[in-house]
Amino acid sequence: MNGRGRLKYAIGVCLASAMLASAMLVSACDETKAIHDRATAFEAEGKRSEAADQFDLVCEKAPDSERCPSSRTRAAELRLEAAKSLIDQEKYEQAKALLDRVIASGVPEPTKNAKEPRAKLEPA
């Protein structure tokens, strides 16, 4: 293969790689949309735990996607709501576990709102 042939080959390889990367990105976007839609449906049904898990899955599948930050926030908010409900039902160990997950998420507002109820669940 002469110099010109190698250049054409290299350009072809680059174009094929770019097309494959583009197709993978589109596929990831479609997949995160489907997961996000499923999470939203679970939330509408009042299934907070399932919804939170699906919102987490959005970020697991595509951490750099535009849906990830809002999904991470919504998962933390749903867990915080569920923890407060568990506290009202006197299911303190389950509530602690959820509050710990909210705090571990690092999402600012839910984390801040989880710290006080979590502290109250510690023995005096």
PDB file of N, CA and C in Angstrom:
ATOM      1  N   MET A   1       0.866  -1.171   0.000  1.00  0.00           N
ATOM      2  CA  MET A   1       0.000   0.000   0.000  1.00  0.00           C
ATOM      3  C   MET A   1       0.911   1.231   0.000  1.00  0.00           C
ATOM      4  N   ASN A   2       0.639   2.141  -0.909  1.00  0.00           N
ATOM      5  CA  ASN A   2       1.452   3.352  -0.980  1.00  0.00           C
ATOM      6  C   ASN A   2       0.987   4.362   0.066  1.00  0.00           C
ATOM      7  N   GLY A   3       1.645   5.501   0.130  1.00  0.00           N
ATOM      8  CA  GLY A   3       1.322   6.530   1.125  1.00  0.00           C
ATOM      9  C   GLY A   3      -0.109   7.023   1.019  1.00  0.00           C
ATOM     10  N   ARG A   4      -0.568   7.181  -0.205  1.00  0.00           N
ATOM     11  CA  ARG A   4      -1.931   7.661  -0.419  1.00  0.00           C
ATOM     12  C   ARG A   4      -2.957   6.608   0.020  1.00  0.00           C
ATOM     13  N   GLY A   5      -2.681   5.357  -0.249  1.00  0.00           N
ATOM     14  CA  GLY A   5      -3.564   4.259   0.147  1.00  0.00           C
ATOM     15  C   GLY A   5      -3.653   4.140   1.660  1.00  0.00           C
ATOM     16  N   ARG A   6      -2.507   4.314   2.322  1.00  0.00           N
ATOM     17  CA  ARG A   6      -2.513   4.265   3.798  1.00  0.00           C
ATOM     18  C   ARG A   6      -3.324   5.408   4.384  1.00  0.00           C
ATOM     19  N   LEU A   7      -3.221   6.567   3.794  1.00  0.00           N
ATOM     20  CA  LEU A   7      -3.984   7.723   4.264  1.00  0.00           C
ATOM     21  C   LEU A   7      -5.482   7.472   4.116  1.00  0.00           C
ATOM     22  N   LYS A   8      -5.895   6.948   2.970  1.00  0.00           N
ATOM     23  CA  LYS A   8      -7.314   6.632   2.754  1.00  0.00           C
ATOM     24  C   LYS A   8      -7.788   5.586   3.760  1.00  0.00           C
ATOM     25  N   TYR A   9      -6.950   4.584   3.996  1.00  0.00           N
ATOM     26  CA  TYR A   9      -7.299   3.539   4.961  1.00  0.00           C
ATOM     27  C   TYR A   9      -7.466   4.147   6.364  1.00  0.00           C
ATOM     28  N   ALA A  10      -6.522   5.000   6.759  1.00  0.00           N
ATOM     29  CA  ALA A  10      -6.580   5.630   8.088  1.00  0.00           C
ATOM     30  C   ALA A  10      -7.822   6.505   8.217  1.00  0.00           C
ATOM     31  N   ILE A  11      -8.139   7.245   7.193  1.00  0.00           N
ATOM     32  CA  ILE A  11      -9.337   8.090   7.220  1.00  0.00           C
ATOM     33  C   ILE A  11     -10.577   7.220   7.331  1.00  0.00           C
ATOM     34  N   GLY A  12     -10.610   6.112   6.594  1.00  0.00           N
ATOM     35  CA  GLY A  12     -11.751   5.193   6.668  1.00  0.00           C
ATOM     36  C   GLY A  12     -11.920   4.619   8.063  1.00  0.00           C
ATOM     37  N   VAL A  13     -10.808   4.229   8.686  1.00  0.00           N
ATOM     38  CA  VAL A  13     -10.859   3.687  10.049  1.00  0.00           C
ATOM     39  C   VAL A  13     -11.379   4.759  11.013  1.00  0.00           C
ATOM     40  N   CYS A  14     -10.908   5.972  10.871  1.00  0.00           N
ATOM     41  CA  CYS A  14     -11.364   7.075  11.745  1.00  0.00           C
ATOM     42  C   CYS A  14     -12.856   7.335  11.566  1.00  0.00           C
ATOM     43  N   LEU A  15     -13.320   7.351  10.326  1.00  0.00           N
ATOM     44  CA  LEU A  15     -14.742   7.584  10.076  1.00  0.00           C
ATOM     45  C   LEU A  15     -15.594   6.455  10.648  1.00  0.00           C
ATOM     46  N   ALA A  16     -15.145   5.231  10.465  1.00  0.00           N
ATOM     47  CA  ALA A  16     -15.893   4.086  11.005  1.00  0.00           C
ATOM     48  C   ALA A  16     -15.954   4.159  12.524  1.00  0.00           C
ATOM     49  N   SER A  17     -14.848   4.521  13.150  1.00  0.00           N
ATOM     50  CA  SER A  17     -14.813   4.655  14.614  1.00  0.00           C
ATOM     51  C   SER A  17     -15.751   5.756  15.084  1.00  0.00           C
ATOM     52  N   ALA A  18     -15.750   6.867  14.376  1.00  0.00           N
ATOM     53  CA  ALA A  18     -16.629   7.975  14.747  1.00  0.00           C
ATOM     54  C   ALA A  18     -18.096   7.580  14.603  1.00  0.00           C
ATOM     55  N   MET A  19     -18.421   6.855  13.539  1.00  0.00           N
ATOM     56  CA  MET A  19     -19.803   6.425  13.337  1.00  0.00           C
ATOM     57  C   MET A  19     -20.229   5.442  14.428  1.00  0.00           C
ATOM     58  N   LEU A  20     -19.339   4.538  14.801  1.00  0.00           N
ATOM     59  CA  LEU A  20     -19.645   3.578  15.861  1.00  0.00           C
ATOM     60  C   LEU A  20     -19.850   4.298  17.187  1.00  0.00           C
ATOM     61  N   ALA A  21     -18.979   5.248  17.510  1.00  0.00           N
ATOM     62  CA  ALA A  21     -19.113   6.004  18.759  1.00  0.00           C
ATOM     63  C   ALA A  21     -20.421   6.776  18.768  1.00  0.00           C
ATOM     64  N   SER A  22     -20.774   7.366  17.646  1.00  0.00           N
ATOM     65  CA  SER A  22     -22.031   8.108  17.539  1.00  0.00           C
ATOM     66  C   SER A  22     -23.228   7.190  17.750  1.00  0.00           C
ATOM     67  N   ALA A  23     -23.190   6.017  17.152  1.00  0.00           N
ATOM     68  CA  ALA A  23     -24.289   5.060  17.311  1.00  0.00           C
ATOM     69  C   ALA A  23     -24.404   4.603  18.764  1.00  0.00           C
ATOM     70  N   MET A  24     -23.264   4.395  19.423  1.00  0.00           N
ATOM     71  CA  MET A  24     -23.289   3.980  20.826  1.00  0.00           C
ATOM     72  C   MET A  24     -23.879   5.084  21.699  1.00  0.00           C
ATOM     73  N   LEU A  25     -23.555   6.336  21.412  1.00  0.00           N
ATOM     74  CA  LEU A  25     -24.076   7.460  22.174  1.00  0.00           C
ATOM     75  C   LEU A  25     -25.587   7.559  22.011  1.00  0.00           C
ATOM     76  N   VAL A  26     -26.067   7.430  20.786  1.00  0.00           N
ATOM     77  CA  VAL A  26     -27.513   7.463  20.530  1.00  0.00           C
ATOM     78  C   VAL A  26     -28.194   6.319  21.272  1.00  0.00           C
ATOM     79  N   SER A  27     -27.585   5.148  21.235  1.00  0.00           N
ATOM     80  CA  SER A  27     -28.142   3.984  21.918  1.00  0.00           C
ATOM     81  C   SER A  27     -28.223   4.226  23.421  1.00  0.00           C
ATOM     82  N   ALA A  28     -27.175   4.801  24.003  1.00  0.00           N
ATOM     83  CA  ALA A  28     -27.176   5.095  25.443  1.00  0.00           C
ATOM     84  C   ALA A  28     -28.259   6.113  25.784  1.00  0.00           C
ATOM     85  N   CYS A  29     -28.447   7.112  24.913  1.00  0.00           N
ATOM     86  CA  CYS A  29     -29.494   8.121  25.152  1.00  0.00           C
ATOM     87  C   CYS A  29     -30.871   7.482  25.127  1.00  0.00           C
ATOM     88  N   ASP A  30     -31.098   6.615  24.145  1.00  0.00           N
ATOM     89  CA  ASP A  30     -32.384   5.936  24.055  1.00  0.00           C
ATOM     90  C   ASP A  30     -32.613   5.056  25.284  1.00  0.00           C
ATOM     91  N   GLU A  31     -31.555   4.367  25.707  1.00  0.00           N
ATOM     92  CA  GLU A  31     -31.673   3.484  26.860  1.00  0.00           C
ATOM     93  C   GLU A  31     -31.957   4.278  28.134  1.00  0.00           C
ATOM     94  N   THR A  32     -31.261   5.398  28.334  1.00  0.00           N
ATOM     95  CA  THR A  32     -31.513   6.178  29.548  1.00  0.00           C
ATOM     96  C   THR A  32     -32.900   6.805  29.523  1.00  0.00           C
ATOM     97  N   LYS A  33     -33.391   7.151  28.342  1.00  0.00           N
ATOM     98  CA  LYS A  33     -34.752   7.695  28.262  1.00  0.00           C
ATOM     99  C   LYS A  33     -35.750   6.631  28.691  1.00  0.00           C
ATOM    100  N   ALA A  34     -35.568   5.404  28.226  1.00  0.00           N
ATOM    101  CA  ALA A  34     -36.480   4.319  28.599  1.00  0.00           C
ATOM    102  C   ALA A  34     -36.421   4.043  30.100  1.00  0.00           C
ATOM    103  N   ILE A  35     -35.226   4.043  30.655  1.00  0.00           N
ATOM    104  CA  ILE A  35     -35.077   3.811  32.099  1.00  0.00           C
ATOM    105  C   ILE A  35     -35.713   4.957  32.874  1.00  0.00           C
ATOM    106  N   HIS A  36     -35.451   6.187  32.439  1.00  0.00           N
ATOM    107  CA  HIS A  36     -36.020   7.369  33.101  1.00  0.00           C
ATOM    108  C   HIS A  36     -37.545   7.329  33.045  1.00  0.00           C
ATOM    109  N   ASP A  37     -38.076   6.961  31.899  1.00  0.00           N
ATOM    110  CA  ASP A  37     -39.533   6.859  31.758  1.00  0.00           C
ATOM    111  C   ASP A  37     -40.108   5.789  32.699  1.00  0.00           C
ATOM    112  N   ARG A  38     -39.384   4.675  32.831  1.00  0.00           N
ATOM    113  CA  ARG A  38     -39.820   3.611  33.741  1.00  0.00           C
ATOM    114  C   ARG A  38     -39.784   4.114  35.195  1.00  0.00           C
ATOM    115  N   ALA A  39     -38.744   4.860  35.542  1.00  0.00           N
ATOM    116  CA  ALA A  39     -38.637   5.426  36.898  1.00  0.00           C
ATOM    117  C   ALA A  39     -39.801   6.369  37.177  1.00  0.00           C
ATOM    118  N   THR A  40     -40.116   7.202  36.205  1.00  0.00           N
ATOM    119  CA  THR A  40     -41.224   8.152  36.354  1.00  0.00           C
ATOM    120  C   THR A  40     -42.552   7.415  36.514  1.00  0.00           C
ATOM    121  N   ALA A  41     -42.718   6.331  35.793  1.00  0.00           N
ATOM    122  CA  ALA A  41     -43.949   5.530  35.910  1.00  0.00           C
ATOM    123  C   ALA A  41     -44.046   4.902  37.304  1.00  0.00           C
ATOM    124  N   PHE A  42     -42.939   4.346  37.804  1.00  0.00           N
ATOM    125  CA  PHE A  42     -42.945   3.787  39.162  1.00  0.00           C
ATOM    126  C   PHE A  42     -43.300   4.865  40.184  1.00  0.00           C
ATOM    127  N   GLU A  43     -42.731   6.041  40.003  1.00  0.00           N
ATOM    128  CA  GLU A  43     -43.019   7.141  40.931  1.00  0.00           C
ATOM    129  C   GLU A  43     -44.498   7.500  40.897  1.00  0.00           C
ATOM    130  N   ALA A  44     -45.082   7.556  39.709  1.00  0.00           N
ATOM    131  CA  ALA A  44     -46.505   7.880  39.576  1.00  0.00           C
ATOM    132  C   ALA A  44     -47.383   6.837  40.261  1.00  0.00           C
ATOM    133  N   GLU A  45     -46.892   5.596  40.309  1.00  0.00           N
ATOM    134  CA  GLU A  45     -47.626   4.512  40.970  1.00  0.00           C
ATOM    135  C   GLU A  45     -47.387   4.490  42.476  1.00  0.00           C
ATOM    136  N   GLY A  46     -46.554   5.410  42.961  1.00  0.00           N
ATOM    137  CA  GLY A  46     -46.251   5.452  44.390  1.00  0.00           C
ATOM    138  C   GLY A  46     -45.197   4.445  44.819  1.00  0.00           C
ATOM    139  N   LYS A  47     -44.489   3.879  43.865  1.00  0.00           N
ATOM    140  CA  LYS A  47     -43.446   2.884  44.157  1.00  0.00           C
ATOM    141  C   LYS A  47     -42.096   3.608  44.242  1.00  0.00           C
ATOM    142  N   ARG A  48     -41.874   4.259  45.395  1.00  0.00           N
ATOM    143  CA  ARG A  48     -40.696   5.104  45.555  1.00  0.00           C
ATOM    144  C   ARG A  48     -39.381   4.342  45.448  1.00  0.00           C
ATOM    145  N   SER A  49     -39.325   3.186  46.073  1.00  0.00           N
ATOM    146  CA  SER A  49     -38.081   2.418  46.074  1.00  0.00           C
ATOM    147  C   SER A  49     -37.700   1.977  44.663  1.00  0.00           C
ATOM    148  N   GLU A  50     -38.674   1.448  43.943  1.00  0.00           N
ATOM    149  CA  GLU A  50     -38.418   1.012  42.569  1.00  0.00           C
ATOM    150  C   GLU A  50     -38.039   2.200  41.689  1.00  0.00           C
ATOM    151  N   ALA A  51     -38.721   3.314  41.885  1.00  0.00           N
ATOM    152  CA  ALA A  51     -38.411   4.519  41.108  1.00  0.00           C
ATOM    153  C   ALA A  51     -36.984   4.989  41.392  1.00  0.00           C
ATOM    154  N   ALA A  52     -36.620   5.041  42.667  1.00  0.00           N
ATOM    155  CA  ALA A  52     -35.268   5.485  43.030  1.00  0.00           C
ATOM    156  C   ALA A  52     -34.214   4.569  42.408  1.00  0.00           C
ATOM    157  N   ASP A  53     -34.456   3.267  42.447  1.00  0.00           N
ATOM    158  CA  ASP A  53     -33.504   2.322  41.848  1.00  0.00           C
ATOM    159  C   ASP A  53     -33.359   2.550  40.347  1.00  0.00           C
ATOM    160  N   GLN A  54     -34.460   2.840  39.676  1.00  0.00           N
ATOM    161  CA  GLN A  54     -34.408   3.104  38.234  1.00  0.00           C
ATOM    162  C   GLN A  54     -33.694   4.423  37.943  1.00  0.00           C
ATOM    163  N   PHE A  55     -33.957   5.443  38.766  1.00  0.00           N
ATOM    164  CA  PHE A  55     -33.238   6.712  38.579  1.00  0.00           C
ATOM    165  C   PHE A  55     -31.734   6.502  38.761  1.00  0.00           C
ATOM    166  N   ASP A  56     -31.343   5.666  39.729  1.00  0.00           N
ATOM    167  CA  ASP A  56     -29.921   5.340  39.901  1.00  0.00           C
ATOM    168  C   ASP A  56     -29.363   4.660  38.658  1.00  0.00           C
ATOM    169  N   LEU A  57     -30.169   3.794  38.059  1.00  0.00           N
ATOM    170  CA  LEU A  57     -29.736   3.043  36.888  1.00  0.00           C
ATOM    171  C   LEU A  57     -29.422   3.962  35.703  1.00  0.00           C
ATOM    172  N   VAL A  58     -30.129   5.077  35.616  1.00  0.00           N
ATOM    173  CA  VAL A  58     -29.842   6.050  34.553  1.00  0.00           C
ATOM    174  C   VAL A  58     -28.370   6.455  34.626  1.00  0.00           C
ATOM    175  N   CYS A  59     -27.904   6.756  35.842  1.00  0.00           N
ATOM    176  CA  CYS A  59     -26.518   7.212  36.013  1.00  0.00           C
ATOM    177  C   CYS A  59     -25.526   6.066  35.885  1.00  0.00           C
ATOM    178  N   GLU A  60     -25.936   4.861  36.257  1.00  0.00           N
ATOM    179  CA  GLU A  60     -25.046   3.718  36.084  1.00  0.00           C
ATOM    180  C   GLU A  60     -24.805   3.448  34.604  1.00  0.00           C
ATOM    181  N   LYS A  61     -25.855   3.564  33.804  1.00  0.00           N
ATOM    182  CA  LYS A  61     -25.749   3.283  32.369  1.00  0.00           C
ATOM    183  C   LYS A  61     -25.028   4.396  31.610  1.00  0.00           C
ATOM    184  N   ALA A  62     -25.276   5.635  32.017  1.00  0.00           N
ATOM    185  CA  ALA A  62     -24.702   6.779  31.287  1.00  0.00           C
ATOM    186  C   ALA A  62     -24.414   7.922  32.257  1.00  0.00           C
ATOM    187  N   PRO A  63     -23.303   7.820  32.991  1.00  0.00           N
ATOM    188  CA  PRO A  63     -22.999   8.835  33.999  1.00  0.00           C
ATOM    189  C   PRO A  63     -22.823  10.253  33.442  1.00  0.00           C
ATOM    190  N   ASP A  64     -22.486  10.355  32.168  1.00  0.00           N
ATOM    191  CA  ASP A  64     -22.289  11.676  31.564  1.00  0.00           C
ATOM    192  C   ASP A  64     -23.524  12.188  30.828  1.00  0.00           C
ATOM    193  N   SER A  65     -24.630  11.448  30.929  1.00  0.00           N
ATOM    194  CA  SER A  65     -25.828  11.863  30.202  1.00  0.00           C
ATOM    195  C   SER A  65     -26.460  13.087  30.854  1.00  0.00           C
ATOM    196  N   GLU A  66     -27.249  13.782  30.067  1.00  0.00           N
ATOM    197  CA  GLU A  66     -27.922  14.976  30.592  1.00  0.00           C
ATOM    198  C   GLU A  66     -28.995  14.603  31.613  1.00  0.00           C
ATOM    199  N   ARG A  67     -29.451  13.362  31.605  1.00  0.00           N
ATOM    200  CA  ARG A  67     -30.478  12.920  32.560  1.00  0.00           C
ATOM    201  C   ARG A  67     -29.896  12.537  33.922  1.00  0.00           C
ATOM    202  N   CYS A  68     -28.597  12.287  33.979  1.00  0.00           N
ATOM    203  CA  CYS A  68     -28.004  11.767  35.208  1.00  0.00           C
ATOM    204  C   CYS A  68     -28.148  12.713  36.410  1.00  0.00           C
ATOM    205  N   PRO A  69     -27.788  13.984  36.322  1.00  0.00           N
ATOM    206  CA  PRO A  69     -27.885  14.829  37.520  1.00  0.00           C
ATOM    207  C   PRO A  69     -29.303  14.905  38.109  1.00  0.00           C
ATOM    208  N   SER A  70     -30.302  15.077  37.255  1.00  0.00           N
ATOM    209  CA  SER A  70     -31.671  15.166  37.775  1.00  0.00           C
ATOM    210  C   SER A  70     -32.144  13.807  38.290  1.00  0.00           C
ATOM    211  N   SER A  71     -31.677  12.739  37.657  1.00  0.00           N
ATOM    212  CA  SER A  71     -32.049  11.391  38.121  1.00  0.00           C
ATOM    213  C   SER A  71     -31.440  11.100  39.480  1.00  0.00           C
ATOM    214  N   ARG A  72     -30.178  11.472  39.660  1.00  0.00           N
ATOM    215  CA  ARG A  72     -29.505  11.265  40.951  1.00  0.00           C
ATOM    216  C   ARG A  72     -30.230  12.057  42.052  1.00  0.00           C
ATOM    217  N   THR A  73     -30.604  13.278  41.737  1.00  0.00           N
ATOM    218  CA  THR A  73     -31.320  14.110  42.709  1.00  0.00           C
ATOM    219  C   THR A  73     -32.670  13.495  43.046  1.00  0.00           C
ATOM    220  N   ARG A  74     -33.394  13.064  42.029  1.00  0.00           N
ATOM    221  CA  ARG A  74     -34.733  12.502  42.270  1.00  0.00           C
ATOM    222  C   ARG A  74     -34.648  11.215  43.075  1.00  0.00           C
ATOM    223  N   ALA A  75     -33.645  10.390  42.833  1.00  0.00           N
ATOM    224  CA  ALA A  75     -33.474   9.160  43.614  1.00  0.00           C
ATOM    225  C   ALA A  75     -33.269   9.493  45.089  1.00  0.00           C
ATOM    226  N   ALA A  76     -32.442  10.483  45.363  1.00  0.00           N
ATOM    227  CA  ALA A  76     -32.188  10.886  46.760  1.00  0.00           C
ATOM    228  C   ALA A  76     -33.450  11.460  47.402  1.00  0.00           C
ATOM    229  N   GLU A  77     -34.183  12.265  46.651  1.00  0.00           N
ATOM    230  CA  GLU A  77     -35.426  12.847  47.186  1.00  0.00           C
ATOM    231  C   GLU A  77     -36.454  11.762  47.511  1.00  0.00           C
ATOM    232  N   LEU A  78     -36.578  10.794  46.623  1.00  0.00           N
ATOM    233  CA  LEU A  78     -37.538   9.701  46.851  1.00  0.00           C
ATOM    234  C   LEU A  78     -37.143   8.879  48.075  1.00  0.00           C
ATOM    235  N   ARG A  79     -35.864   8.624  48.230  1.00  0.00           N
ATOM    236  CA  ARG A  79     -35.416   7.860  49.408  1.00  0.00           C
ATOM    237  C   ARG A  79     -35.650   8.654  50.688  1.00  0.00           C
ATOM    238  N   LEU A  80     -35.461   9.954  50.635  1.00  0.00           N
ATOM    239  CA  LEU A  80     -35.716  10.792  51.798  1.00  0.00           C
ATOM    240  C   LEU A  80     -37.199  10.749  52.164  1.00  0.00           C
ATOM    241  N   GLU A  81     -38.066  10.863  51.172  1.00  0.00           N
ATOM    242  CA  GLU A  81     -39.513  10.772  51.419  1.00  0.00           C
ATOM    243  C   GLU A  81     -39.871   9.413  52.027  1.00  0.00           C
ATOM    244  N   ALA A  82     -39.310   8.356  51.469  1.00  0.00           N
ATOM    245  CA  ALA A  82     -39.593   7.006  51.973  1.00  0.00           C
ATOM    246  C   ALA A  82     -39.088   6.847  53.404  1.00  0.00           C
ATOM    247  N   ALA A  83     -37.930   7.407  53.703  1.00  0.00           N
ATOM    248  CA  ALA A  83     -37.373   7.316  55.066  1.00  0.00           C
ATOM    249  C   ALA A  83     -38.274   8.030  56.062  1.00  0.00           C
ATOM    250  N   LYS A  84     -38.767   9.193  55.692  1.00  0.00           N
ATOM    251  CA  LYS A  84     -39.663   9.929  56.598  1.00  0.00           C
ATOM    252  C   LYS A  84     -40.941   9.134  56.846  1.00  0.00           C
ATOM    253  N   SER A  85     -41.438   8.485  55.815  1.00  0.00           N
ATOM    254  CA  SER A  85     -42.627   7.648  55.964  1.00  0.00           C
ATOM    255  C   SER A  85     -42.334   6.468  56.898  1.00  0.00           C
ATOM    256  N   LEU A  86     -41.169   5.870  56.757  1.00  0.00           N
ATOM    257  CA  LEU A  86     -40.784   4.759  57.634  1.00  0.00           C
ATOM    258  C   LEU A  86     -40.635   5.211  59.085  1.00  0.00           C
ATOM    259  N   ILE A  87     -40.132   6.412  59.292  1.00  0.00           N
ATOM    260  CA  ILE A  87     -40.018   6.946  60.654  1.00  0.00           C
ATOM    261  C   ILE A  87     -41.414   7.092  61.258  1.00  0.00           C
ATOM    262  N   ASP A  88     -42.344   7.601  60.474  1.00  0.00           N
ATOM    263  CA  ASP A  88     -43.732   7.732  60.947  1.00  0.00           C
ATOM    264  C   ASP A  88     -44.329   6.375  61.313  1.00  0.00           C
ATOM    265  N   GLN A  89     -43.873   5.322  60.622  1.00  0.00           N
ATOM    266  CA  GLN A  89     -44.365   3.963  60.887  1.00  0.00           C
ATOM    267  C   GLN A  89     -43.531   3.257  61.964  1.00  0.00           C
ATOM    268  N   GLU A  90     -42.580   3.986  62.536  1.00  0.00           N
ATOM    269  CA  GLU A  90     -41.667   3.469  63.572  1.00  0.00           C
ATOM    270  C   GLU A  90     -40.798   2.320  63.064  1.00  0.00           C
ATOM    271  N   LYS A  91     -40.458   2.353  61.800  1.00  0.00           N
ATOM    272  CA  LYS A  91     -39.548   1.369  61.203  1.00  0.00           C
ATOM    273  C   LYS A  91     -38.171   2.032  61.090  1.00  0.00           C
ATOM    274  N   TYR A  92     -37.552   2.179  62.243  1.00  0.00           N
ATOM    275  CA  TYR A  92     -36.364   3.011  62.347  1.00  0.00           C
ATOM    276  C   TYR A  92     -35.131   2.443  61.636  1.00  0.00           C
ATOM    277  N   GLU A  93     -34.917   1.149  61.694  1.00  0.00           N
ATOM    278  CA  GLU A  93     -33.735   0.562  61.053  1.00  0.00           C
ATOM    279  C   GLU A  93     -33.801   0.730  59.531  1.00  0.00           C
ATOM    280  N   GLN A  94     -34.980   0.520  58.959  1.00  0.00           N
ATOM    281  CA  GLN A  94     -35.136   0.702  57.512  1.00  0.00           C
ATOM    282  C   GLN A  94     -34.949   2.174  57.144  1.00  0.00           C
ATOM    283  N   ALA A  95     -35.481   3.047  57.989  1.00  0.00           N
ATOM    284  CA  ALA A  95     -35.330   4.485  57.739  1.00  0.00           C
ATOM    285  C   ALA A  95     -33.858   4.891  57.792  1.00  0.00           C
ATOM    286  N   LYS A  96     -33.120   4.370  58.776  1.00  0.00           N
ATOM    287  CA  LYS A  96     -31.689   4.677  58.879  1.00  0.00           C
ATOM    288  C   LYS A  96     -30.952   4.287  57.604  1.00  0.00           C
ATOM    289  N   ALA A  97     -31.255   3.094  57.108  1.00  0.00           N
ATOM    290  CA  ALA A  97     -30.580   2.617  55.897  1.00  0.00           C
ATOM    291  C   ALA A  97     -30.840   3.546  54.715  1.00  0.00           C
ATOM    292  N   LEU A  98     -32.082   3.987  54.560  1.00  0.00           N
ATOM    293  CA  LEU A  98     -32.402   4.900  53.459  1.00  0.00           C
ATOM    294  C   LEU A  98     -31.739   6.258  53.660  1.00  0.00           C
ATOM    295  N   LEU A  99     -31.773   6.761  54.890  1.00  0.00           N
ATOM    296  CA  LEU A  99     -31.144   8.055  55.160  1.00  0.00           C
ATOM    297  C   LEU A  99     -29.642   7.988  54.904  1.00  0.00           C
ATOM    298  N   ASP A 100     -29.031   6.873  55.252  1.00  0.00           N
ATOM    299  CA  ASP A 100     -27.601   6.706  54.984  1.00  0.00           C
ATOM    300  C   ASP A 100     -27.324   6.735  53.481  1.00  0.00           C
ATOM    301  N   ARG A 101     -28.199   6.130  52.697  1.00  0.00           N
ATOM    302  CA  ARG A 101     -28.031   6.170  51.234  1.00  0.00           C
ATOM    303  C   ARG A 101     -28.195   7.590  50.694  1.00  0.00           C
ATOM    304  N   VAL A 102     -29.149   8.321  51.258  1.00  0.00           N
ATOM    305  CA  VAL A 102     -29.339   9.716  50.819  1.00  0.00           C
ATOM    306  C   VAL A 102     -28.075  10.515  51.111  1.00  0.00           C
ATOM    307  N   ILE A 103     -27.561  10.377  52.322  1.00  0.00           N
ATOM    308  CA  ILE A 103     -26.365  11.120  52.706  1.00  0.00           C
ATOM    309  C   ILE A 103     -25.176  10.708  51.845  1.00  0.00           C
ATOM    310  N   ALA A 104     -25.043   9.420  51.583  1.00  0.00           N
ATOM    311  CA  ALA A 104     -23.939   8.925  50.746  1.00  0.00           C
ATOM    312  C   ALA A 104     -24.034   9.423  49.308  1.00  0.00           C
ATOM    313  N   SER A 105     -25.241   9.763  48.868  1.00  0.00           N
ATOM    314  CA  SER A 105     -25.414  10.230  47.479  1.00  0.00           C
ATOM    315  C   SER A 105     -24.694  11.550  47.253  1.00  0.00           C
ATOM    316  N   GLY A 106     -24.580  12.343  48.305  1.00  0.00           N
ATOM    317  CA  GLY A 106     -23.914  13.626  48.169  1.00  0.00           C
ATOM    318  C   GLY A 106     -24.731  14.692  47.468  1.00  0.00           C
ATOM    319  N   VAL A 107     -25.981  14.401  47.157  1.00  0.00           N
ATOM    320  CA  VAL A 107     -26.830  15.405  46.506  1.00  0.00           C
ATOM    321  C   VAL A 107     -27.139  16.463  47.573  1.00  0.00           C
ATOM    322  N   PRO A 108     -26.777  17.723  47.345  1.00  0.00           N
ATOM    323  CA  PRO A 108     -26.787  18.722  48.412  1.00  0.00           C
ATOM    324  C   PRO A 108     -28.084  18.863  49.224  1.00  0.00           C
ATOM    325  N   GLU A 109     -29.173  19.174  48.594  1.00  0.00           N
ATOM    326  CA  GLU A 109     -30.406  19.452  49.347  1.00  0.00           C
ATOM    327  C   GLU A 109     -30.943  18.220  50.089  1.00  0.00           C
ATOM    328  N   PRO A 110     -31.115  17.088  49.417  1.00  0.00           N
ATOM    329  CA  PRO A 110     -31.580  15.909  50.156  1.00  0.00           C
ATOM    330  C   PRO A 110     -30.612  15.490  51.272  1.00  0.00           C
ATOM    331  N   THR A 111     -29.310  15.598  51.012  1.00  0.00           N
ATOM    332  CA  THR A 111     -28.328  15.236  52.039  1.00  0.00           C
ATOM    333  C   THR A 111     -28.506  16.124  53.265  1.00  0.00           C
ATOM    334  N   LYS A 112     -28.627  17.420  53.039  1.00  0.00           N
ATOM    335  CA  LYS A 112     -28.832  18.365  54.148  1.00  0.00           C
ATOM    336  C   LYS A 112     -30.108  18.013  54.918  1.00  0.00           C
ATOM    337  N   ASN A 113     -31.162  17.692  54.184  1.00  0.00           N
ATOM    338  CA  ASN A 113     -32.448  17.389  54.820  1.00  0.00           C
ATOM    339  C   ASN A 113     -32.481  16.018  55.492  1.00  0.00           C
ATOM    340  N   ALA A 114     -31.537  15.151  55.166  1.00  0.00           N
ATOM    341  CA  ALA A 114     -31.499  13.810  55.765  1.00  0.00           C
ATOM    342  C   ALA A 114     -30.711  13.776  57.067  1.00  0.00           C
ATOM    343  N   LYS A 115     -29.830  14.727  57.273  1.00  0.00           N
ATOM    344  CA  LYS A 115     -28.923  14.669  58.426  1.00  0.00           C
ATOM    345  C   LYS A 115     -29.647  14.793  59.759  1.00  0.00           C
ATOM    346  N   GLU A 116     -30.609  15.681  59.858  1.00  0.00           N
ATOM    347  CA  GLU A 116     -31.311  15.857  61.136  1.00  0.00           C
ATOM    348  C   GLU A 116     -32.125  14.614  61.522  1.00  0.00           C
ATOM    349  N   PRO A 117     -33.001  14.117  60.629  1.00  0.00           N
ATOM    350  CA  PRO A 117     -33.727  12.914  61.038  1.00  0.00           C
ATOM    351  C   PRO A 117     -32.792  11.732  61.311  1.00  0.00           C
ATOM    352  N   ARG A 118     -31.684  11.640  60.585  1.00  0.00           N
ATOM    353  CA  ARG A 118     -30.745  10.541  60.812  1.00  0.00           C
ATOM    354  C   ARG A 118     -30.132  10.661  62.202  1.00  0.00           C
ATOM    355  N   ALA A 119     -29.772  11.881  62.600  1.00  0.00           N
ATOM    356  CA  ALA A 119     -29.169  12.105  63.925  1.00  0.00           C
ATOM    357  C   ALA A 119     -30.158  11.743  65.041  1.00  0.00           C
ATOM    358  N   LYS A 120     -31.432  11.996  64.804  1.00  0.00           N
ATOM    359  CA  LYS A 120     -32.449  11.694  65.819  1.00  0.00           C
ATOM    360  C   LYS A 120     -32.634  10.190  66.016  1.00  0.00           C
ATOM    361  N   LEU A 121     -32.216   9.398  65.043  1.00  0.00           N
ATOM    362  CA  LEU A 121     -32.382   7.947  65.142  1.00  0.00           C
ATOM    363  C   LEU A 121     -31.238   7.276  65.901  1.00  0.00           C
ATOM    364  N   GLU A 122     -30.226   8.059  66.258  1.00  0.00           N
ATOM    365  CA  GLU A 122     -29.115   7.519  67.047  1.00  0.00           C
ATOM    366  C   GLU A 122     -29.502   7.508  68.524  1.00  0.00           C
ATOM    367  N   PRO A 123     -29.054   6.477  69.258  1.00  0.00           N
ATOM    368  CA  PRO A 123     -29.356   6.433  70.696  1.00  0.00           C
ATOM    369  C   PRO A 123     -28.747   7.634  71.415  1.00  0.00           C
ATOM    370  N   ALA A 124     -29.420   8.077  72.432  1.00  0.00           N
ATOM    371  CA  ALA A 124     -28.961   9.265  73.181  1.00  0.00           C
ATOM    372  C   ALA A 124     -27.788   8.968  74.065  1.00  0.00           C
TER     373      ALA A 124
END
